[in-house]
Every structure is written in C-alpha cells, then in structure tokens.
Amino acid sequence: GKTKSLPSVLIRRAIRRLEYIHFATSLNDLKVPPSNRLHALKEDREGQYSISINDQWRICFRFIEGDAYDVEITDYH
C-alpha cells in the first residue's frame, strides 16, 4: 500500500502495529503492548477500533470473528 503521507520515521512502527493486528485472534491480543491504546470508536466510526502509532497517527479497523477488515492509517489531527 501507499506510505506517501505517513512520515518515514513512523513507517517501521506502523508496520509493527499492522503485524499485531494481522496476528491477533481476539481484541484482547491487541491490548499488549499498552502503548497500542486499543479502544472502540464512536459516532460515525461506531463498530471500529483504533490502536495508536503515535499521538497523531492511528490504525482504525473493524474486527470480526478474529479477522481485521477496513484497515486504514489515519491522521487524527
């Protein structure tokens, strides 16, 4: 996929977080490490979850029966 808008210093961290999501079999798997800051989203993103890449960037996704869908990296600011 594209990494054009994601700062290059964050690409390795983003890839690591994407691997966490890929290998997770339940949402509980994503609570570690705590720096993921896993949480359910609300309002127009209800049904999605988010983990942090850093204070600004997040990975948002849906998690259904052990699989992630609609995975996107987004800038919260």
PDB file of N, CA and C in Angstrom:
ATOM      1  N   GLY A   1       0.809  -1.189   0.000  1.00  0.00           N
ATOM      2  CA  GLY A   1       0.000   0.000   0.000  1.00  0.00           C
ATOM      3  C   GLY A   1       0.854   1.255   0.000  1.00  0.00           C
ATOM      4  N   LYS A   2       0.202   2.395  -0.018  1.00  0.00           N
ATOM      5  CA  LYS A   2       0.891   3.682  -0.043  1.00  0.00           C
ATOM      6  C   LYS A   2       1.391   4.053   1.344  1.00  0.00           C
ATOM      7  N   THR A   3       2.557   4.670   1.390  1.00  0.00           N
ATOM      8  CA  THR A   3       3.076   5.229   2.638  1.00  0.00           C
ATOM      9  C   THR A   3       3.460   6.684   2.419  1.00  0.00           C
ATOM     10  N   LYS A   4       2.993   7.259   1.320  1.00  0.00           N
ATOM     11  CA  LYS A   4       3.418   8.595   0.922  1.00  0.00           C
ATOM     12  C   LYS A   4       3.162   9.657   1.984  1.00  0.00           C
ATOM     13  N   SER A   5       2.002   9.656   2.640  1.00  0.00           N
ATOM     14  CA  SER A   5       1.693  10.722   3.590  1.00  0.00           C
ATOM     15  C   SER A   5       2.143  10.404   5.019  1.00  0.00           C
ATOM     16  N   LEU A   6       2.481   9.174   5.296  1.00  0.00           N
ATOM     17  CA  LEU A   6       2.943   8.795   6.631  1.00  0.00           C
ATOM     18  C   LEU A   6       4.420   9.155   6.761  1.00  0.00           C
ATOM     19  N   PRO A   7       4.793   9.924   7.776  1.00  0.00           N
ATOM     20  CA  PRO A   7       6.207  10.283   7.940  1.00  0.00           C
ATOM     21  C   PRO A   7       7.087   9.033   8.001  1.00  0.00           C
ATOM     22  N   SER A   8       8.221   9.089   7.319  1.00  0.00           N
ATOM     23  CA  SER A   8       9.090   7.914   7.206  1.00  0.00           C
ATOM     24  C   SER A   8       9.546   7.381   8.557  1.00  0.00           C
ATOM     25  N   VAL A   9       9.683   8.254   9.559  1.00  0.00           N
ATOM     26  CA  VAL A   9      10.114   7.790  10.882  1.00  0.00           C
ATOM     27  C   VAL A   9       9.062   6.902  11.542  1.00  0.00           C
ATOM     28  N   LEU A  10       7.828   6.942  11.058  1.00  0.00           N
ATOM     29  CA  LEU A  10       6.757   6.144  11.656  1.00  0.00           C
ATOM     30  C   LEU A  10       6.457   4.855  10.900  1.00  0.00           C
ATOM     31  N   ILE A  11       7.057   4.664   9.754  1.00  0.00           N
ATOM     32  CA  ILE A  11       6.713   3.509   8.924  1.00  0.00           C
ATOM     33  C   ILE A  11       7.017   2.193   9.632  1.00  0.00           C
ATOM     34  N   ARG A  12       8.188   2.061  10.253  1.00  0.00           N
ATOM     35  CA  ARG A  12       8.512   0.805  10.956  1.00  0.00           C
ATOM     36  C   ARG A  12       7.526   0.536  12.079  1.00  0.00           C
ATOM     37  N   ARG A  13       7.182   1.575  12.836  1.00  0.00           N
ATOM     38  CA  ARG A  13       6.227   1.410  13.936  1.00  0.00           C
ATOM     39  C   ARG A  13       4.847   1.031  13.390  1.00  0.00           C
ATOM     40  N   ALA A  14       4.442   1.638  12.293  1.00  0.00           N
ATOM     41  CA  ALA A  14       3.151   1.316  11.683  1.00  0.00           C
ATOM     42  C   ALA A  14       3.126  -0.133  11.213  1.00  0.00           C
ATOM     43  N   ILE A  15       4.204  -0.581  10.591  1.00  0.00           N
ATOM     44  CA  ILE A  15       4.270  -1.972  10.126  1.00  0.00           C
ATOM     45  C   ILE A  15       4.165  -2.927  11.306  1.00  0.00           C
ATOM     46  N   ARG A  16       4.837  -2.617  12.393  1.00  0.00           N
ATOM     47  CA  ARG A  16       4.762  -3.461  13.590  1.00  0.00           C
ATOM     48  C   ARG A  16       3.319  -3.536  14.096  1.00  0.00           C
ATOM     49  N   ARG A  17       2.637  -2.393  14.145  1.00  0.00           N
ATOM     50  CA  ARG A  17       1.247  -2.379  14.613  1.00  0.00           C
ATOM     51  C   ARG A  17       0.340  -3.163  13.662  1.00  0.00           C
ATOM     52  N   LEU A  18       0.577  -3.054  12.368  1.00  0.00           N
ATOM     53  CA  LEU A  18      -0.206  -3.822  11.397  1.00  0.00           C
ATOM     54  C   LEU A  18       0.027  -5.321  11.579  1.00  0.00           C
ATOM     55  N   GLU A  19       1.247  -5.704  11.927  1.00  0.00           N
ATOM     56  CA  GLU A  19       1.526  -7.116  12.215  1.00  0.00           C
ATOM     57  C   GLU A  19       0.769  -7.572  13.453  1.00  0.00           C
ATOM     58  N   TYR A  20       0.706  -6.726  14.487  1.00  0.00           N
ATOM     59  CA  TYR A  20      -0.077  -7.074  15.681  1.00  0.00           C
ATOM     60  C   TYR A  20      -1.517  -7.382  15.288  1.00  0.00           C
ATOM     61  N   ILE A  21      -2.091  -6.521  14.454  1.00  0.00           N
ATOM     62  CA  ILE A  21      -3.481  -6.707  14.025  1.00  0.00           C
ATOM     63  C   ILE A  21      -3.605  -7.992  13.212  1.00  0.00           C
ATOM     64  N   HIS A  22      -2.669  -8.222  12.321  1.00  0.00           N
ATOM     65  CA  HIS A  22      -2.711  -9.405  11.459  1.00  0.00           C
ATOM     66  C   HIS A  22      -2.696 -10.701  12.269  1.00  0.00           C
ATOM     67  N   PHE A  23      -1.863 -10.753  13.298  1.00  0.00           N
ATOM     68  CA  PHE A  23      -1.711 -11.988  14.068  1.00  0.00           C
ATOM     69  C   PHE A  23      -2.687 -12.116  15.236  1.00  0.00           C
ATOM     70  N   ALA A  24      -3.451 -11.083  15.533  1.00  0.00           N
ATOM     71  CA  ALA A  24      -4.403 -11.135  16.648  1.00  0.00           C
ATOM     72  C   ALA A  24      -5.540 -12.106  16.333  1.00  0.00           C
ATOM     73  N   THR A  25      -5.914 -12.890  17.330  1.00  0.00           N
ATOM     74  CA  THR A  25      -7.074 -13.770  17.183  1.00  0.00           C
ATOM     75  C   THR A  25      -8.263 -13.243  17.973  1.00  0.00           C
ATOM     76  N   SER A  26      -8.004 -12.264  18.844  1.00  0.00           N
ATOM     77  CA  SER A  26      -9.074 -11.594  19.585  1.00  0.00           C
ATOM     78  C   SER A  26      -8.628 -10.166  19.867  1.00  0.00           C
ATOM     79  N   LEU A  27      -9.569  -9.310  20.209  1.00  0.00           N
ATOM     80  CA  LEU A  27      -9.223  -7.928  20.544  1.00  0.00           C
ATOM     81  C   LEU A  27      -8.310  -7.860  21.757  1.00  0.00           C
ATOM     82  N   ASN A  28      -8.451  -8.815  22.672  1.00  0.00           N
ATOM     83  CA  ASN A  28      -7.580  -8.830  23.856  1.00  0.00           C
ATOM     84  C   ASN A  28      -6.104  -8.926  23.484  1.00  0.00           C
ATOM     85  N   ASP A  29      -5.799  -9.582  22.371  1.00  0.00           N
ATOM     86  CA  ASP A  29      -4.411  -9.680  21.918  1.00  0.00           C
ATOM     87  C   ASP A  29      -3.822  -8.304  21.621  1.00  0.00           C
ATOM     88  N   LEU A  30      -4.665  -7.338  21.299  1.00  0.00           N
ATOM     89  CA  LEU A  30      -4.191  -6.009  20.917  1.00  0.00           C
ATOM     90  C   LEU A  30      -4.065  -5.057  22.103  1.00  0.00           C
ATOM     91  N   LYS A  31      -4.382  -5.535  23.296  1.00  0.00           N
ATOM     92  CA  LYS A  31      -4.207  -4.703  24.493  1.00  0.00           C
ATOM     93  C   LYS A  31      -2.745  -4.646  24.923  1.00  0.00           C
ATOM     94  N   VAL A  32      -1.925  -5.529  24.362  1.00  0.00           N
ATOM     95  CA  VAL A  32      -0.497  -5.580  24.664  1.00  0.00           C
ATOM     96  C   VAL A  32       0.252  -5.334  23.360  1.00  0.00           C
ATOM     97  N   PRO A  33       1.201  -4.427  23.339  1.00  0.00           N
ATOM     98  CA  PRO A  33       1.643  -3.595  24.454  1.00  0.00           C
ATOM     99  C   PRO A  33       0.637  -2.485  24.755  1.00  0.00           C
ATOM    100  N   PRO A  34       0.654  -1.984  25.984  1.00  0.00           N
ATOM    101  CA  PRO A  34      -0.283  -0.923  26.371  1.00  0.00           C
ATOM    102  C   PRO A  34      -0.185   0.324  25.491  1.00  0.00           C
ATOM    103  N   SER A  35       0.970   0.543  24.873  1.00  0.00           N
ATOM    104  CA  SER A  35       1.123   1.714  24.001  1.00  0.00           C
ATOM    105  C   SER A  35       0.224   1.648  22.765  1.00  0.00           C
ATOM    106  N   ASN A  36      -0.368   0.481  22.489  1.00  0.00           N
ATOM    107  CA  ASN A  36      -1.360   0.391  21.412  1.00  0.00           C
ATOM    108  C   ASN A  36      -2.569   1.280  21.697  1.00  0.00           C
ATOM    109  N   ARG A  37      -2.899   1.428  22.977  1.00  0.00           N
ATOM    110  CA  ARG A  37      -4.065   2.208  23.407  1.00  0.00           C
ATOM    111  C   ARG A  37      -5.328   1.794  22.635  1.00  0.00           C
ATOM    112  N   LEU A  38      -5.568   0.500  22.601  1.00  0.00           N
ATOM    113  CA  LEU A  38      -6.740  -0.039  21.916  1.00  0.00           C
ATOM    114  C   LEU A  38      -8.010   0.548  22.503  1.00  0.00           C
ATOM    115  N   HIS A  39      -8.901   1.008  21.637  1.00  0.00           N
ATOM    116  CA  HIS A  39     -10.206   1.459  22.109  1.00  0.00           C
ATOM    117  C   HIS A  39     -11.227   1.403  20.973  1.00  0.00           C
ATOM    118  N   ALA A  40     -12.492   1.270  21.374  1.00  0.00           N
ATOM    119  CA  ALA A  40     -13.595   1.281  20.419  1.00  0.00           C
ATOM    120  C   ALA A  40     -13.885   2.721  20.020  1.00  0.00           C
ATOM    121  N   LEU A  41     -14.215   2.909  18.755  1.00  0.00           N
ATOM    122  CA  LEU A  41     -14.538   4.243  18.263  1.00  0.00           C
ATOM    123  C   LEU A  41     -16.040   4.479  18.345  1.00  0.00           C
ATOM    124  N   LYS A  42     -16.434   5.745  18.244  1.00  0.00           N
ATOM    125  CA  LYS A  42     -17.838   6.131  18.411  1.00  0.00           C
ATOM    126  C   LYS A  42     -18.317   6.928  17.207  1.00  0.00           C
ATOM    127  N   GLU A  43     -19.580   7.301  17.280  1.00  0.00           N
ATOM    128  CA  GLU A  43     -20.246   8.153  16.294  1.00  0.00           C
ATOM    129  C   GLU A  43     -20.125   7.572  14.889  1.00  0.00           C
ATOM    130  N   ASP A  44     -19.562   8.319  13.929  1.00  0.00           N
ATOM    131  CA  ASP A  44     -19.524   7.845  12.543  1.00  0.00           C
ATOM    132  C   ASP A  44     -18.564   6.677  12.334  1.00  0.00           C
ATOM    133  N   ARG A  45     -17.789   6.343  13.355  1.00  0.00           N
ATOM    134  CA  ARG A  45     -16.875   5.197  13.277  1.00  0.00           C
ATOM    135  C   ARG A  45     -17.289   4.070  14.233  1.00  0.00           C
ATOM    136  N   GLU A  46     -18.527   4.090  14.665  1.00  0.00           N
ATOM    137  CA  GLU A  46     -19.011   3.034  15.556  1.00  0.00           C
ATOM    138  C   GLU A  46     -18.826   1.678  14.880  1.00  0.00           C
ATOM    139  N   GLY A  47     -18.361   0.699  15.655  1.00  0.00           N
ATOM    140  CA  GLY A  47     -18.076  -0.629  15.118  1.00  0.00           C
ATOM    141  C   GLY A  47     -16.619  -0.803  14.733  1.00  0.00           C
ATOM    142  N   GLN A  48     -15.864   0.296  14.792  1.00  0.00           N
ATOM    143  CA  GLN A  48     -14.439   0.234  14.504  1.00  0.00           C
ATOM    144  C   GLN A  48     -13.646   0.342  15.796  1.00  0.00           C
ATOM    145  N   TYR A  49     -12.395  -0.083  15.702  1.00  0.00           N
ATOM    146  CA  TYR A  49     -11.448   0.023  16.810  1.00  0.00           C
ATOM    147  C   TYR A  49     -10.236   0.787  16.317  1.00  0.00           C
ATOM    148  N   SER A  50      -9.435   1.232  17.264  1.00  0.00           N
ATOM    149  CA  SER A  50      -8.250   2.001  16.927  1.00  0.00           C
ATOM    150  C   SER A  50      -7.097   1.584  17.824  1.00  0.00           C
ATOM    151  N   ILE A  51      -5.902   1.519  17.232  1.00  0.00           N
ATOM    152  CA  ILE A  51      -4.679   1.436  18.026  1.00  0.00           C
ATOM    153  C   ILE A  51      -3.771   2.577  17.566  1.00  0.00           C
ATOM    154  N   SER A  52      -2.914   3.015  18.455  1.00  0.00           N
ATOM    155  CA  SER A  52      -2.069   4.176  18.188  1.00  0.00           C
ATOM    156  C   SER A  52      -0.746   3.784  17.546  1.00  0.00           C
ATOM    157  N   ILE A  53      -0.333   4.586  16.585  1.00  0.00           N
ATOM    158  CA  ILE A  53       1.032   4.513  16.070  1.00  0.00           C
ATOM    159  C   ILE A  53       1.871   5.497  16.879  1.00  0.00           C
ATOM    160  N   ASN A  54       1.327   6.697  17.057  1.00  0.00           N
ATOM    161  CA  ASN A  54       1.906   7.710  17.945  1.00  0.00           C
ATOM    162  C   ASN A  54       0.762   8.626  18.385  1.00  0.00           C
ATOM    163  N   ASP A  55       1.060   9.796  18.921  1.00  0.00           N
ATOM    164  CA  ASP A  55      -0.007  10.681  19.395  1.00  0.00           C
ATOM    165  C   ASP A  55      -0.891  11.194  18.268  1.00  0.00           C
ATOM    166  N   GLN A  56      -0.376  11.239  17.065  1.00  0.00           N
ATOM    167  CA  GLN A  56      -1.114  11.805  15.937  1.00  0.00           C
ATOM    168  C   GLN A  56      -1.742  10.748  15.036  1.00  0.00           C
ATOM    169  N   TRP A  57      -1.061   9.671  14.783  1.00  0.00           N
ATOM    170  CA  TRP A  57      -1.488   8.669  13.806  1.00  0.00           C
ATOM    171  C   TRP A  57      -2.093   7.441  14.481  1.00  0.00           C
ATOM    172  N   ARG A  58      -3.160   6.910  13.861  1.00  0.00           N
ATOM    173  CA  ARG A  58      -3.871   5.740  14.369  1.00  0.00           C
ATOM    174  C   ARG A  58      -4.103   4.738  13.243  1.00  0.00           C
ATOM    175  N   ILE A  59      -4.272   3.488  13.631  1.00  0.00           N
ATOM    176  CA  ILE A  59      -4.757   2.475  12.703  1.00  0.00           C
ATOM    177  C   ILE A  59      -6.176   2.148  13.140  1.00  0.00           C
ATOM    178  N   CYS A  60      -7.123   2.353  12.243  1.00  0.00           N
ATOM    179  CA  CYS A  60      -8.532   2.072  12.523  1.00  0.00           C
ATOM    180  C   CYS A  60      -8.932   0.830  11.732  1.00  0.00           C
ATOM    181  N   PHE A  61      -9.812   0.031  12.319  1.00  0.00           N
ATOM    182  CA  PHE A  61     -10.189  -1.226  11.679  1.00  0.00           C
ATOM    183  C   PHE A  61     -11.454  -1.778  12.317  1.00  0.00           C
ATOM    184  N   ARG A  62     -12.081  -2.691  11.619  1.00  0.00           N
ATOM    185  CA  ARG A  62     -13.175  -3.493  12.170  1.00  0.00           C
ATOM    186  C   ARG A  62     -12.576  -4.857  12.511  1.00  0.00           C
ATOM    187  N   PHE A  63     -13.058  -5.472  13.593  1.00  0.00           N
ATOM    188  CA  PHE A  63     -12.540  -6.780  13.996  1.00  0.00           C
ATOM    189  C   PHE A  63     -13.726  -7.715  14.159  1.00  0.00           C
ATOM    190  N   ILE A  64     -13.809  -8.694  13.272  1.00  0.00           N
ATOM    191  CA  ILE A  64     -14.957  -9.598  13.245  1.00  0.00           C
ATOM    192  C   ILE A  64     -14.453 -11.035  13.244  1.00  0.00           C
ATOM    193  N   GLU A  65     -14.832 -11.789  14.274  1.00  0.00           N
ATOM    194  CA  GLU A  65     -14.505 -13.209  14.377  1.00  0.00           C
ATOM    195  C   GLU A  65     -13.021 -13.486  14.124  1.00  0.00           C
ATOM    196  N   GLY A  66     -12.160 -12.691  14.749  1.00  0.00           N
ATOM    197  CA  GLY A  66     -10.727 -12.935  14.675  1.00  0.00           C
ATOM    198  C   GLY A  66     -10.012 -12.366  13.470  1.00  0.00           C
ATOM    199  N   ASP A  67     -10.721 -11.612  12.640  1.00  0.00           N
ATOM    200  CA  ASP A  67     -10.098 -11.028  11.452  1.00  0.00           C
ATOM    201  C   ASP A  67     -10.349  -9.528  11.396  1.00  0.00           C
ATOM    202  N   ALA A  68      -9.369  -8.794  10.884  1.00  0.00           N
ATOM    203  CA  ALA A  68      -9.476  -7.341  10.739  1.00  0.00           C
ATOM    204  C   ALA A  68      -9.938  -6.997   9.325  1.00  0.00           C
ATOM    205  N   TYR A  69     -10.816  -6.014   9.237  1.00  0.00           N
ATOM    206  CA  TYR A  69     -11.342  -5.534   7.964  1.00  0.00           C
ATOM    207  C   TYR A  69     -11.280  -4.011   7.938  1.00  0.00           C
ATOM    208  N   ASP A  70     -11.323  -3.452   6.736  1.00  0.00           N
ATOM    209  CA  ASP A  70     -11.370  -1.993   6.558  1.00  0.00           C
ATOM    210  C   ASP A  70     -10.247  -1.309   7.336  1.00  0.00           C
ATOM    211  N   VAL A  71      -9.049  -1.853   7.243  1.00  0.00           N
ATOM    212  CA  VAL A  71      -7.893  -1.328   7.977  1.00  0.00           C
ATOM    213  C   VAL A  71      -7.397  -0.067   7.279  1.00  0.00           C
ATOM    214  N   GLU A  72      -7.216   0.995   8.058  1.00  0.00           N
ATOM    215  CA  GLU A  72      -6.705   2.242   7.488  1.00  0.00           C
ATOM    216  C   GLU A  72      -5.824   2.958   8.497  1.00  0.00           C
ATOM    217  N   ILE A  73      -4.827   3.642   7.980  1.00  0.00           N
ATOM    218  CA  ILE A  73      -3.985   4.504   8.806  1.00  0.00           C
ATOM    219  C   ILE A  73      -4.511   5.914   8.631  1.00  0.00           C
ATOM    220  N   THR A  74      -4.787   6.578   9.745  1.00  0.00           N
ATOM    221  CA  THR A  74      -5.397   7.899   9.674  1.00  0.00           C
ATOM    222  C   THR A  74      -4.712   8.890  10.607  1.00  0.00           C
ATOM    223  N   ASP A  75      -4.703  10.131  10.185  1.00  0.00           N
ATOM    224  CA  ASP A  75      -4.147  11.243  10.954  1.00  0.00           C
ATOM    225  C   ASP A  75      -5.295  11.867  11.736  1.00  0.00           C
ATOM    226  N   TYR A  76      -5.237  11.788  13.057  1.00  0.00           N
ATOM    227  CA  TYR A  76      -6.328  12.302  13.884  1.00  0.00           C
ATOM    228  C   TYR A  76      -6.334  13.818  13.999  1.00  0.00           C
ATOM    229  N   HIS A  77      -5.312  14.489  13.473  1.00  0.00           N
ATOM    230  CA  HIS A  77      -5.244  15.947  13.655  1.00  0.00           C
ATOM    231  C   HIS A  77      -5.203  16.664  12.331  1.00  0.00           C
TER     232      HIS A  77
END
